[in-house]
């Protein structure tokens, strides 16, 4: 099944933002994607916003549609091998980068 078939099946998830997301949903999704990309970039992955959802692209060009940030890390594992966003080495590199 293509990703478009489920385009309207965006389930509620706590990561979707609360009050800020109600006022400016597109801006909040862009902010979330930018924050996630700081972590995902370490594995050559990139998250972009597409119609109230996210698209995660791997280093080979393969992509996965992700409904919310709760589904992001399993999708990242499927595209870039085992991925731990709380890895201490990764966190130290992110902190030193600014």
N, C-alpha and C. Protein backbone atom coordinates (compact mmCIF):
# COMPACT_ATOMS: atom_id res chain seq x y z
N UNK A 1 0.85 -1.17 0.00
CA UNK A 1 0.00 0.00 0.00
C UNK A 1 0.89 1.23 0.00
N UNK A 2 0.55 2.24 -0.77
CA UNK A 2 1.35 3.46 -0.81
C UNK A 2 1.07 4.31 0.42
N UNK A 3 1.96 5.24 0.70
CA UNK A 3 1.82 6.12 1.85
C UNK A 3 0.62 7.03 1.76
N UNK A 4 0.17 7.35 0.56
CA UNK A 4 -0.95 8.27 0.41
C UNK A 4 -2.26 7.66 0.90
N UNK A 5 -2.39 6.34 0.81
CA UNK A 5 -3.63 5.69 1.22
C UNK A 5 -3.97 5.97 2.68
N UNK A 6 -2.98 6.15 3.51
CA UNK A 6 -3.23 6.43 4.92
C UNK A 6 -3.07 7.88 5.28
N UNK A 7 -3.15 8.77 4.32
CA UNK A 7 -2.86 10.19 4.56
C UNK A 7 -3.77 10.83 5.58
N UNK A 8 -4.96 10.29 5.77
CA UNK A 8 -5.88 10.92 6.70
C UNK A 8 -6.01 10.14 8.00
N UNK A 9 -5.11 9.22 8.25
CA UNK A 9 -5.17 8.38 9.43
C UNK A 9 -4.23 8.85 10.52
N UNK A 10 -3.98 10.14 10.61
CA UNK A 10 -3.04 10.70 11.58
C UNK A 10 -3.62 10.63 12.99
N UNK A 11 -3.17 9.67 13.77
CA UNK A 11 -3.67 9.48 15.13
C UNK A 11 -3.07 10.49 16.09
N UNK A 12 -3.83 10.81 17.15
CA UNK A 12 -3.33 11.72 18.17
C UNK A 12 -2.18 11.06 18.93
N UNK A 13 -1.18 11.86 19.27
CA UNK A 13 -0.05 11.39 20.05
C UNK A 13 0.44 12.56 20.88
N UNK A 14 0.95 12.31 22.07
CA UNK A 14 1.37 13.40 22.95
C UNK A 14 2.43 14.29 22.32
N UNK A 15 3.22 13.75 21.39
CA UNK A 15 4.30 14.52 20.77
C UNK A 15 3.80 15.54 19.77
N UNK A 16 2.50 15.54 19.50
CA UNK A 16 1.97 16.47 18.52
C UNK A 16 1.81 17.88 19.06
N UNK A 17 2.11 18.12 20.30
CA UNK A 17 2.34 19.47 20.73
C UNK A 17 1.44 20.19 21.68
N UNK A 18 0.23 19.84 21.94
CA UNK A 18 -0.59 20.60 22.87
C UNK A 18 -1.07 21.92 22.30
N UNK A 19 -1.10 22.97 23.13
CA UNK A 19 -1.66 24.27 22.73
C UNK A 19 -0.92 24.92 21.57
N UNK A 20 0.40 24.82 21.53
CA UNK A 20 1.16 25.44 20.44
C UNK A 20 0.75 24.82 19.11
N UNK A 21 0.58 23.52 19.08
CA UNK A 21 0.22 22.83 17.84
C UNK A 21 -1.19 23.20 17.38
N UNK A 22 -2.07 23.57 18.32
CA UNK A 22 -3.42 23.97 17.93
C UNK A 22 -3.41 25.32 17.23
N UNK A 23 -2.53 26.21 17.67
CA UNK A 23 -2.47 27.56 17.10
C UNK A 23 -1.73 27.57 15.77
N UNK A 24 -0.58 26.90 15.71
CA UNK A 24 0.26 26.89 14.50
C UNK A 24 0.75 25.48 14.23
N UNK A 25 -0.13 24.59 13.75
CA UNK A 25 0.29 23.19 13.58
C UNK A 25 1.44 23.00 12.60
N UNK A 26 1.45 23.72 11.50
CA UNK A 26 2.52 23.55 10.51
C UNK A 26 3.86 24.03 11.08
N UNK A 27 3.84 25.16 11.76
CA UNK A 27 5.08 25.69 12.35
C UNK A 27 5.62 24.76 13.43
N UNK A 28 4.72 24.17 14.21
CA UNK A 28 5.16 23.25 15.26
C UNK A 28 5.77 21.99 14.65
N UNK A 29 5.19 21.47 13.59
CA UNK A 29 5.75 20.29 12.92
C UNK A 29 7.13 20.61 12.35
N UNK A 30 7.29 21.78 11.78
CA UNK A 30 8.59 22.17 11.23
C UNK A 30 9.63 22.26 12.35
N UNK A 31 9.23 22.80 13.50
CA UNK A 31 10.14 22.90 14.64
C UNK A 31 10.53 21.51 15.13
N UNK A 32 9.56 20.61 15.20
CA UNK A 32 9.85 19.24 15.62
C UNK A 32 10.80 18.54 14.65
N UNK A 33 10.57 18.73 13.36
CA UNK A 33 11.43 18.10 12.35
C UNK A 33 12.85 18.63 12.45
N UNK A 34 12.99 19.94 12.66
CA UNK A 34 14.33 20.53 12.77
C UNK A 34 15.08 19.96 13.97
N UNK A 35 14.37 19.82 15.11
CA UNK A 35 15.00 19.26 16.31
C UNK A 35 15.38 17.80 16.09
N UNK A 36 14.50 17.03 15.48
CA UNK A 36 14.79 15.62 15.24
C UNK A 36 15.94 15.45 14.26
N UNK A 37 16.04 16.35 13.28
CA UNK A 37 17.11 16.24 12.29
C UNK A 37 18.50 16.44 12.89
N UNK A 38 18.60 17.15 13.99
CA UNK A 38 19.90 17.28 14.65
C UNK A 38 20.39 15.91 15.11
N UNK A 39 19.48 15.05 15.54
CA UNK A 39 19.83 13.71 16.00
C UNK A 39 19.93 12.75 14.81
N UNK A 40 18.96 12.81 13.91
CA UNK A 40 18.91 11.88 12.79
C UNK A 40 20.08 12.05 11.82
N UNK A 41 20.57 13.27 11.69
CA UNK A 41 21.67 13.55 10.77
C UNK A 41 22.92 12.74 11.07
N UNK A 42 23.10 12.33 12.32
CA UNK A 42 24.26 11.52 12.69
C UNK A 42 24.26 10.17 11.98
N UNK A 43 23.09 9.72 11.51
CA UNK A 43 22.97 8.45 10.80
C UNK A 43 22.64 8.63 9.33
N UNK A 44 22.71 9.86 8.84
CA UNK A 44 22.41 10.11 7.44
C UNK A 44 20.93 10.11 7.11
N UNK A 45 20.09 10.29 8.14
CA UNK A 45 18.65 10.31 7.95
C UNK A 45 18.15 11.75 7.96
N UNK A 46 17.03 11.99 7.29
CA UNK A 46 16.45 13.33 7.24
C UNK A 46 14.94 13.23 7.35
N UNK A 47 14.37 14.09 8.21
CA UNK A 47 12.93 14.14 8.44
C UNK A 47 12.39 15.42 7.81
N UNK A 48 11.30 15.29 7.05
CA UNK A 48 10.65 16.47 6.48
C UNK A 48 9.16 16.39 6.77
N UNK A 49 8.49 17.52 6.65
CA UNK A 49 7.06 17.61 6.91
C UNK A 49 6.31 17.44 5.60
N UNK A 50 5.26 16.63 5.65
CA UNK A 50 4.41 16.42 4.48
C UNK A 50 2.97 16.25 4.94
N UNK A 51 2.13 17.25 4.67
CA UNK A 51 0.68 17.18 4.90
C UNK A 51 0.31 16.62 6.28
N UNK A 52 0.67 17.30 7.34
CA UNK A 52 0.36 16.90 8.73
C UNK A 52 1.03 15.61 9.16
N UNK A 53 2.02 15.15 8.41
CA UNK A 53 2.77 13.95 8.75
C UNK A 53 4.24 14.24 8.50
N UNK A 54 5.05 13.26 8.76
CA UNK A 54 6.48 13.37 8.51
C UNK A 54 6.89 12.33 7.47
N UNK A 55 7.95 12.64 6.73
CA UNK A 55 8.57 11.66 5.84
C UNK A 55 10.02 11.54 6.28
N UNK A 56 10.43 10.33 6.59
CA UNK A 56 11.80 10.05 7.00
C UNK A 56 12.51 9.40 5.82
N UNK A 57 13.64 10.00 5.41
CA UNK A 57 14.42 9.48 4.29
C UNK A 57 15.75 8.96 4.80
N UNK A 58 16.13 7.81 4.26
CA UNK A 58 17.39 7.19 4.63
C UNK A 58 18.50 7.58 3.67
N UNK A 59 19.71 7.17 3.96
CA UNK A 59 20.87 7.52 3.12
C UNK A 59 20.81 6.91 1.72
N UNK A 60 20.01 5.86 1.54
CA UNK A 60 19.90 5.23 0.22
C UNK A 60 18.75 5.78 -0.60
N UNK A 61 17.96 6.70 0.00
CA UNK A 61 16.82 7.27 -0.70
C UNK A 61 15.49 6.63 -0.32
N UNK A 62 15.54 5.52 0.40
CA UNK A 62 14.31 4.88 0.85
C UNK A 62 13.62 5.81 1.84
N UNK A 63 12.29 5.84 1.80
CA UNK A 63 11.56 6.73 2.71
C UNK A 63 10.41 6.00 3.38
N UNK A 64 10.02 6.54 4.53
CA UNK A 64 8.93 5.99 5.33
C UNK A 64 8.07 7.16 5.78
N UNK A 65 6.75 7.03 5.68
CA UNK A 65 5.83 8.04 6.19
C UNK A 65 5.61 7.76 7.67
N UNK A 66 5.76 8.80 8.50
CA UNK A 66 5.65 8.66 9.95
C UNK A 66 4.55 9.61 10.43
N UNK A 67 3.59 9.07 11.18
CA UNK A 67 2.46 9.87 11.65
C UNK A 67 2.84 10.88 12.73
N UNK A 68 3.72 10.48 13.64
CA UNK A 68 4.07 11.33 14.78
C UNK A 68 5.45 10.92 15.29
N UNK A 69 6.00 11.71 16.18
CA UNK A 69 7.36 11.45 16.67
C UNK A 69 7.47 10.14 17.45
N UNK A 70 6.37 9.66 17.99
CA UNK A 70 6.39 8.38 18.69
C UNK A 70 6.73 7.21 17.76
N UNK A 71 6.41 7.36 16.48
CA UNK A 71 6.70 6.31 15.50
C UNK A 71 8.03 6.55 14.78
N UNK A 72 8.69 7.65 15.10
CA UNK A 72 9.91 8.02 14.39
C UNK A 72 11.07 7.07 14.64
N UNK A 73 11.35 6.74 15.90
CA UNK A 73 12.56 5.97 16.21
C UNK A 73 12.51 4.55 15.68
N UNK A 74 11.36 3.85 15.74
CA UNK A 74 11.33 2.53 15.08
C UNK A 74 11.55 2.64 13.57
N UNK A 75 11.01 3.70 12.96
CA UNK A 75 11.22 3.91 11.52
C UNK A 75 12.69 4.19 11.24
N UNK A 76 13.33 4.97 12.11
CA UNK A 76 14.77 5.27 11.94
C UNK A 76 15.58 3.99 12.05
N UNK A 77 15.19 3.10 12.96
CA UNK A 77 15.87 1.81 13.08
C UNK A 77 15.76 1.02 11.78
N UNK A 78 14.60 1.08 11.15
CA UNK A 78 14.40 0.29 9.93
C UNK A 78 15.20 0.84 8.75
N UNK A 79 15.53 2.12 8.77
CA UNK A 79 16.27 2.73 7.66
C UNK A 79 17.78 2.83 7.91
N UNK A 80 18.18 2.93 9.16
CA UNK A 80 19.59 3.17 9.43
C UNK A 80 20.23 2.25 10.43
N UNK A 81 19.68 1.08 10.61
CA UNK A 81 20.23 0.17 11.61
C UNK A 81 19.79 0.58 13.00
N UNK A 82 20.23 -0.14 14.00
CA UNK A 82 19.85 0.16 15.38
C UNK A 82 20.22 1.59 15.72
N UNK A 83 19.27 2.35 16.25
CA UNK A 83 19.47 3.78 16.48
C UNK A 83 19.04 4.12 17.89
N UNK A 84 19.94 4.74 18.65
CA UNK A 84 19.63 5.15 20.02
C UNK A 84 19.78 6.66 20.13
N UNK A 85 18.67 7.41 20.16
CA UNK A 85 18.76 8.87 20.24
C UNK A 85 19.32 9.37 21.57
N UNK A 86 19.42 8.49 22.56
CA UNK A 86 19.96 8.88 23.86
C UNK A 86 21.38 8.38 24.08
N UNK A 87 22.05 7.95 23.01
CA UNK A 87 23.43 7.52 23.09
C UNK A 87 24.29 8.65 23.65
N UNK A 88 25.09 8.36 24.66
CA UNK A 88 25.87 9.40 25.33
C UNK A 88 26.86 10.09 24.41
N UNK A 89 27.49 9.34 23.52
CA UNK A 89 28.43 9.93 22.55
C UNK A 89 27.71 10.88 21.61
N UNK A 90 26.55 10.49 21.13
CA UNK A 90 25.77 11.35 20.24
C UNK A 90 25.34 12.62 20.96
N UNK A 91 24.87 12.46 22.20
CA UNK A 91 24.44 13.62 22.98
C UNK A 91 25.59 14.61 23.21
N UNK A 92 26.77 14.07 23.48
CA UNK A 92 27.94 14.94 23.70
C UNK A 92 28.29 15.70 22.41
N UNK A 93 28.23 15.02 21.26
CA UNK A 93 28.50 15.71 19.98
C UNK A 93 27.48 16.80 19.70
N UNK A 94 26.21 16.52 20.00
CA UNK A 94 25.16 17.51 19.78
C UNK A 94 25.34 18.74 20.69
N UNK A 95 25.70 18.49 21.93
CA UNK A 95 25.92 19.60 22.87
C UNK A 95 27.10 20.44 22.46
N UNK A 96 28.16 19.81 21.98
CA UNK A 96 29.35 20.58 21.59
C UNK A 96 29.11 21.35 20.29
N UNK A 97 28.19 20.87 19.46
CA UNK A 97 27.88 21.55 18.20
C UNK A 97 27.02 22.78 18.42
N UNK A 98 26.40 22.88 19.56
CA UNK A 98 25.66 24.10 19.85
C UNK A 98 24.26 23.90 20.06
